[in-house]
Each structure stands twice: as structure tokens, then as C-alpha cells.
Protein backbone atom coordinates (compact mmCIF):
# COMPACT_ATOMS: atom_id res chain seq x y z
CA MET A 1 -56.08 -43.29 17.85
CA ALA A 2 -56.24 -42.40 14.13
CA ARG A 3 -58.32 -44.63 12.01
CA PRO A 4 -56.65 -46.63 9.19
CA LYS A 5 -58.35 -44.51 6.53
CA THR A 6 -56.92 -41.31 8.04
CA MET A 7 -53.42 -42.76 8.15
CA ARG A 8 -53.66 -43.79 4.51
CA HIS A 9 -54.76 -40.25 3.68
CA LEU A 10 -51.81 -38.69 5.47
CA GLY A 11 -49.41 -41.09 3.82
CA GLY A 12 -50.48 -39.91 0.39
CA ASP A 13 -50.55 -36.18 1.22
CA ARG A 14 -47.87 -34.29 -0.80
CA ARG A 15 -48.82 -30.75 0.19
CA GLY A 16 -45.91 -28.70 1.63
CA VAL A 17 -43.18 -30.87 0.06
CA ALA A 18 -41.73 -27.94 -1.92
CA MET A 19 -41.64 -25.78 1.19
CA LEU A 20 -39.91 -28.51 3.15
CA GLU A 21 -37.32 -29.03 0.42
CA PHE A 22 -36.70 -25.27 0.26
CA ALA A 23 -36.25 -25.10 4.04
CA LEU A 24 -33.72 -27.93 3.94
CA SER A 25 -31.73 -26.47 1.03
CA LEU A 26 -31.87 -22.81 2.13
CA PRO A 27 -28.74 -22.88 4.34
CA ILE A 28 -26.70 -24.40 1.50
CA VAL A 29 -28.02 -21.94 -1.12
CA LEU A 30 -27.51 -19.01 1.27
CA ALA A 31 -23.93 -20.04 2.06
CA ILE A 32 -23.05 -20.41 -1.63
CA GLY A 33 -24.63 -17.04 -2.43
CA LEU A 34 -22.80 -15.27 0.39
CA TYR A 35 -19.53 -16.91 -0.63
CA GLY A 36 -20.04 -15.64 -4.18
CA ILE A 37 -20.73 -12.12 -2.92
CA GLU A 38 -17.66 -12.20 -0.68
CA ILE A 39 -15.35 -13.49 -3.42
CA SER A 40 -16.63 -10.84 -5.83
CA ASN A 41 -16.13 -8.07 -3.27
CA LEU A 42 -12.63 -9.34 -2.49
CA ALA A 43 -11.72 -9.33 -6.18
CA LEU A 44 -13.07 -5.80 -6.55
CA ALA A 45 -11.15 -4.58 -3.50
CA ASN A 46 -7.97 -6.20 -4.82
CA MET A 47 -8.40 -4.43 -8.16
CA LYS A 48 -8.95 -1.09 -6.39
CA VAL A 49 -5.82 -1.52 -4.26
CA SER A 50 -3.80 -2.31 -7.40
CA GLN A 51 -5.15 0.73 -9.23
CA ILE A 52 -4.49 2.96 -6.22
CA ALA A 53 -0.86 1.80 -6.07
CA LEU A 54 -0.42 2.45 -9.80
CA ALA A 55 -2.01 5.91 -9.61
CA LEU A 56 0.14 6.93 -6.65
CA ALA A 57 3.38 5.76 -8.28
CA ASP A 58 2.43 7.56 -11.48
CA ASN A 59 1.53 10.78 -9.68
CA ALA A 60 4.67 10.71 -7.51
CA SER A 61 6.81 10.31 -10.62
CA ARG A 62 5.37 13.50 -12.18
CA VAL A 63 5.19 16.10 -9.41
CA GLY A 64 7.69 18.87 -8.77
CA VAL A 65 8.32 22.53 -9.43
CA ASP A 66 10.73 24.17 -11.86
CA ASN A 67 13.83 25.33 -9.99
CA GLY A 68 14.94 27.64 -12.77
CA LEU A 69 17.71 25.31 -13.91
CA ALA A 70 15.64 23.19 -16.29
CA GLN A 71 15.12 20.73 -13.46
CA GLN A 72 12.16 19.75 -11.31
CA GLN A 73 12.55 20.15 -7.56
CA LEU A 74 10.51 17.76 -5.43
CA ARG A 75 9.01 19.32 -2.29
CA GLU A 76 7.40 17.86 0.82
CA PHE A 77 4.28 19.74 -0.24
CA ASP A 78 4.21 17.76 -3.50
CA ILE A 79 4.54 14.43 -1.70
CA ASN A 80 1.76 15.33 0.73
CA ASP A 81 -0.37 16.39 -2.23
CA VAL A 82 -0.18 13.00 -3.97
CA LEU A 83 -0.75 11.20 -0.66
CA GLN A 84 -3.85 13.31 -0.11
CA ALA A 85 -5.07 12.34 -3.58
CA THR A 86 -4.59 8.69 -2.65
CA ARG A 87 -6.47 9.20 0.61
CA LEU A 88 -9.45 10.62 -1.28
CA GLN A 89 -9.29 7.99 -4.01
CA SER A 90 -9.36 5.16 -1.46
CA ASN A 91 -11.98 6.65 0.83
CA ASP A 92 -14.54 3.91 0.11
CA LEU A 93 -12.01 1.27 1.21
CA LYS A 94 -10.93 3.27 4.27
CA LEU A 95 -7.44 2.34 3.13
CA THR A 96 -5.57 4.73 5.42
CA THR A 97 -7.44 3.31 8.43
CA ASN A 98 -7.20 -0.35 7.46
CA GLY A 99 -3.90 -0.33 5.64
CA ARG A 100 -0.50 1.21 5.06
CA ILE A 101 1.04 2.97 2.05
CA THR A 102 4.80 3.30 1.55
CA VAL A 103 6.38 5.47 -1.15
CA SER A 104 10.10 4.92 -1.74
CA SER A 105 12.43 6.87 -3.99
CA LEU A 106 14.75 4.24 -5.46
CA GLU A 107 17.66 6.08 -7.08
CA GLU A 108 20.85 5.16 -8.93
CA SER A 109 24.11 7.05 -8.63
CA GLY A 110 27.62 5.84 -9.34
CA GLY A 111 26.40 2.31 -9.93
CA VAL A 112 24.72 2.12 -6.52
CA GLN A 113 20.99 1.50 -6.00
CA ARG A 114 19.71 3.38 -2.98
CA ILE A 115 16.43 4.16 -1.20
CA HIS A 116 17.03 7.87 -0.81
CA TRP A 117 13.83 8.69 1.08
CA GLN A 118 10.49 7.16 2.08
CA ARG A 119 7.09 8.56 2.97
CA CYS A 120 4.16 6.65 4.48
CA LEU A 121 0.46 6.94 5.20
CA GLY A 122 -1.88 4.68 7.17
CA LEU A 123 -2.61 3.48 10.69
CA GLN A 124 -1.74 -0.21 10.38
CA LYS A 125 1.69 -1.29 11.60
CA GLY A 126 3.79 -4.42 11.91
CA ALA A 127 5.51 -6.82 9.54
CA ASP A 128 2.38 -7.28 7.40
CA TYR A 129 1.95 -3.56 6.76
CA ASP A 130 5.30 -1.79 6.97
CA SER A 131 7.56 -1.94 3.92
CA SER A 132 8.68 -5.43 2.89
CA TYR A 133 11.47 -4.25 0.61
CA GLY A 134 13.77 -2.10 2.71
CA ARG A 135 13.82 1.23 4.49
CA THR A 136 15.99 4.27 4.94
CA THR A 137 18.57 3.70 7.66
CA ILE A 138 21.00 5.91 9.54
CA LYS A 139 24.29 6.49 7.73
CA GLY A 140 26.95 3.96 8.66
CA THR A 141 24.55 1.20 9.70
CA THR A 142 23.97 -2.08 7.92
CA PRO A 143 22.62 -1.66 4.35
CA SER A 144 18.89 -2.20 4.29
CA THR A 145 17.42 -5.42 2.89
CA ALA A 146 13.95 -6.93 2.85
CA ASP A 147 14.63 -8.85 6.07
CA ASP A 148 16.68 -6.13 7.79
CA THR A 149 15.46 -5.49 11.33
CA GLY A 150 18.67 -4.37 13.02
CA ALA A 151 19.54 -1.04 11.40
CA ALA A 152 17.90 2.05 12.86
CA TYR A 153 15.32 3.80 10.70
CA ASP A 154 16.23 7.31 9.53
CA PRO A 155 13.17 9.55 8.97
CA THR A 156 15.42 12.43 7.88
CA ALA A 157 16.89 10.58 4.88
CA GLY A 158 16.99 12.73 1.76
CA THR A 159 16.29 15.97 3.63
CA ASN A 160 18.10 18.99 5.02
CA THR A 161 17.63 19.25 8.77
CA LYS A 162 19.56 22.50 9.18
CA THR A 163 17.81 25.82 9.68
CA ASP A 164 20.87 28.08 9.57
CA GLY A 165 21.19 28.12 5.79
CA THR A 166 23.66 25.24 5.58
CA ASP A 167 22.79 21.89 4.02
CA ASP A 168 23.41 18.58 5.82
CA SER A 169 21.36 16.37 3.47
CA ALA A 170 24.51 14.46 2.45
CA SER A 171 24.69 13.08 5.97
CA HIS A 172 21.26 11.47 5.47
CA PRO A 173 21.85 9.48 2.26
CA GLY A 174 19.26 6.74 2.80
CA SER A 175 20.04 3.05 2.33
CA VAL A 176 21.99 1.04 -0.19
CA ILE A 177 19.75 -1.66 -1.64
CA LYS A 178 21.63 -4.61 -3.07
CA GLY A 179 19.59 -6.25 -5.79
CA GLY A 180 16.88 -3.64 -6.24
CA MET A 181 13.39 -3.52 -4.74
CA GLY A 182 10.49 -5.91 -5.12
CA ASP A 183 9.81 -9.64 -5.03
CA PRO A 184 12.60 -12.01 -6.08
CA ASP A 185 11.07 -12.69 -9.50
CA SER A 186 10.23 -9.05 -10.27
CA LYS A 187 13.01 -6.82 -8.98
CA VAL A 188 12.93 -3.12 -9.85
CA PHE A 189 16.08 -1.09 -10.54
CA ALA A 190 16.43 2.65 -11.06
CA PRO A 191 17.95 3.76 -14.40
CA LYS A 192 21.42 5.27 -14.38
CA ASP A 193 21.49 8.69 -12.68
CA SER A 194 17.73 8.63 -12.31
CA GLY A 195 15.04 7.33 -10.00
CA VAL A 196 11.93 5.20 -9.64
CA MET A 197 8.93 5.87 -7.46
CA PHE A 198 8.21 2.51 -5.82
CA VAL A 199 4.85 2.19 -4.05
CA GLU A 200 3.78 -0.60 -1.73
CA VAL A 201 0.21 -0.88 -0.45
CA ASN A 202 -0.91 -3.33 2.25
CA TYR A 203 -4.59 -3.46 3.11
CA LYS A 204 -6.58 -5.38 5.71
CA TYR A 205 -9.64 -6.48 3.75
CA VAL A 206 -12.97 -5.63 5.38
CA PRO A 207 -15.38 -8.50 4.52
CA VAL A 208 -19.05 -8.05 3.78
CA THR A 209 -20.18 -11.04 5.85
CA GLY A 210 -17.48 -11.25 8.51
CA THR A 211 -14.42 -13.46 8.64
CA TRP A 212 -16.27 -16.79 8.92
CA LEU A 213 -16.16 -17.39 5.14
CA LEU A 214 -12.70 -16.23 4.04
CA GLY A 215 -10.95 -15.51 7.31
CA ASN A 216 -8.64 -12.50 7.60
CA GLN A 217 -7.32 -11.38 4.23
CA ARG A 218 -4.46 -8.94 3.60
CA LEU A 219 -4.24 -7.46 0.13
CA HIS A 220 -0.80 -6.51 -1.14
CA SER A 221 0.09 -4.53 -4.24
CA VAL A 222 3.21 -2.80 -5.56
CA ALA A 223 3.75 -0.41 -8.46
CA SER A 224 6.66 1.58 -9.84
CA PHE A 225 7.16 4.37 -12.38
CA ILE A 226 10.36 5.95 -13.62
CA VAL A 227 10.56 9.62 -12.64
CA ARG A 228 9.39 11.97 -15.39
CA ASP A 229 11.20 15.12 -16.48
CA ARG A 230 14.64 16.02 -15.11
CA ARG A 231 14.15 15.83 -11.37
CA THR A 232 17.01 16.85 -9.13
CA PHE A 233 17.67 13.99 -6.72
CA ALA A 234 19.87 15.89 -4.28
CA LEU A 235 17.15 16.12 -1.62
CA VAL A 236 13.47 16.69 -0.95
CA SER A 237 13.14 20.41 -0.31
CA ASN A 238 10.80 21.97 2.22
CA PRO A 239 10.63 25.74 1.61
CA SER A 240 8.79 28.09 3.92
CA PRO A 241 6.09 27.68 5.03
CA ALA A 242 7.43 24.20 5.80
CA ALA A 243 5.11 21.23 5.32
CA LYS A 244 4.97 18.35 7.79
CA ARG A 245 6.91 15.36 6.46
CA SER A 246 4.87 12.14 6.17
CA THR A 247 7.77 10.00 7.39
CA CYS A 248 7.43 6.29 8.04
CA ASP A 249 7.85 6.56 11.80
CA LEU A 250 4.39 8.18 11.85
CA TYR A 251 1.11 6.26 11.68
CA THR A 252 -1.60 8.63 10.55
CA SER A 253 -4.70 8.40 8.41
């Protein structure tokens, strides 16, 4: 049994108090620090996704080749080129593995707004990753809207599927979009007899510390640019040697 003098000595001993306080507060300090790191990384990833969407829409609005008639002809090769640039730009995010990119050509003709063609890149699929604002549908089916799930998707929209020298692109006109593309408070419309490159990016955020702090986060960004130069909107050409079309029925990285 400890003597009274020893007990009084232990009662007045303050050595190790700082270490004990640090041990008790460490979980709280660590959690706050990790939360700050995660929030900062999320904000940075969101900014990158936004910039990637803007760069892709800008690039897609510029590409094309002179067809000899003072017009720019858009080719499948050009579309694949700008998608490849996006793939390289987003390599640190692994965007094409953890997300989905949709490029839509919103065009106006005769007072009608239409998604003439779409191209996609990315492995993720489902309502959270496929386009939220419409899709190209087979001619004669219900006009496409943001909540349209009944009309069949047409991967050949805006293209010529004939190989005998004839052109059947008119039979793949894409989808009429009533009210433009985009969220209700920020609809985008193509100018008269022109077009807009509308880009949608959906990304499954990869957290630094796991999902226990923020849960599963999906980043979403859209961007649009009016087409530069005098692009011909008749169809997307695919001269020999033909390039593989990055249609939205494919899920590739």
C-alpha cells in the first residue's frame, strides 16, 4: 500500500499532461485536417472538370478542314482529335475511366433546334453519366427531351452510312430539341442557320481519404461555344481512310 506522502506526490505530479492532452485531441485535429484536404482536392477537381469542358467545347467549335467552297468540313478524324486532347488533358483525373464526356452539335435550321449528332468518351454509364439534355434518336420517333427514355438512340445521326457513292445522311437527321439544351435556368440555343458545340462532363470524384468523409461525389459541368468559321452542317464526313466514330453507344476510355 502506498504511503500518504507518495500519494500526495503523485497528486501534484503534472508531467505528461501535454502529451495526454495531445493524445486526446489528436483524432479531432486529424479529422479536421483530413476534411480540409478533401474539400480542397474536391474543389480543385471541380475546377479541372469545368476547364476541361470549356476547352473541349472551344476546340470542337474550331476544328474542320477547308472544303474548297469557303466552308469548313467537320470530319470524324477532327472529332476524335479533340477527344484525344481531352483524354490527355484529364489524364491526372482519369476522367475517361471514372467519368463520361458527351459532345453534342446543337444546330438551328428553319426555326428548329436539333441535336444533329453526338459523340462520347468514357467508361461510366447510367443516368448519372449519360447525357442529361437529350440524345440523337431514330427518325420518326418521339423528339428527344431531357427525360426521354423511350425513343431509340441513333448512333448514325448526322452521317452518311452509304458506301456506294450515294448520300443517306438526310435519313439520320438527329433529334428535335424543344426549348434548347441545358438546365432550366440556363438554356442554350443555336444561332440561326448555325450551331453550338455543347459539352457535358460527368465525373465520379476519386477521394484522397476514401468516402467516409464526403461520401460518393459526382462532379457535373457543361460548356458551349458557337461554331467558328463557316462550317457546313450537312453531315460529319468520314473520308478514306475512315476513322472510327466515337458514338454514344460505345463506352471506351
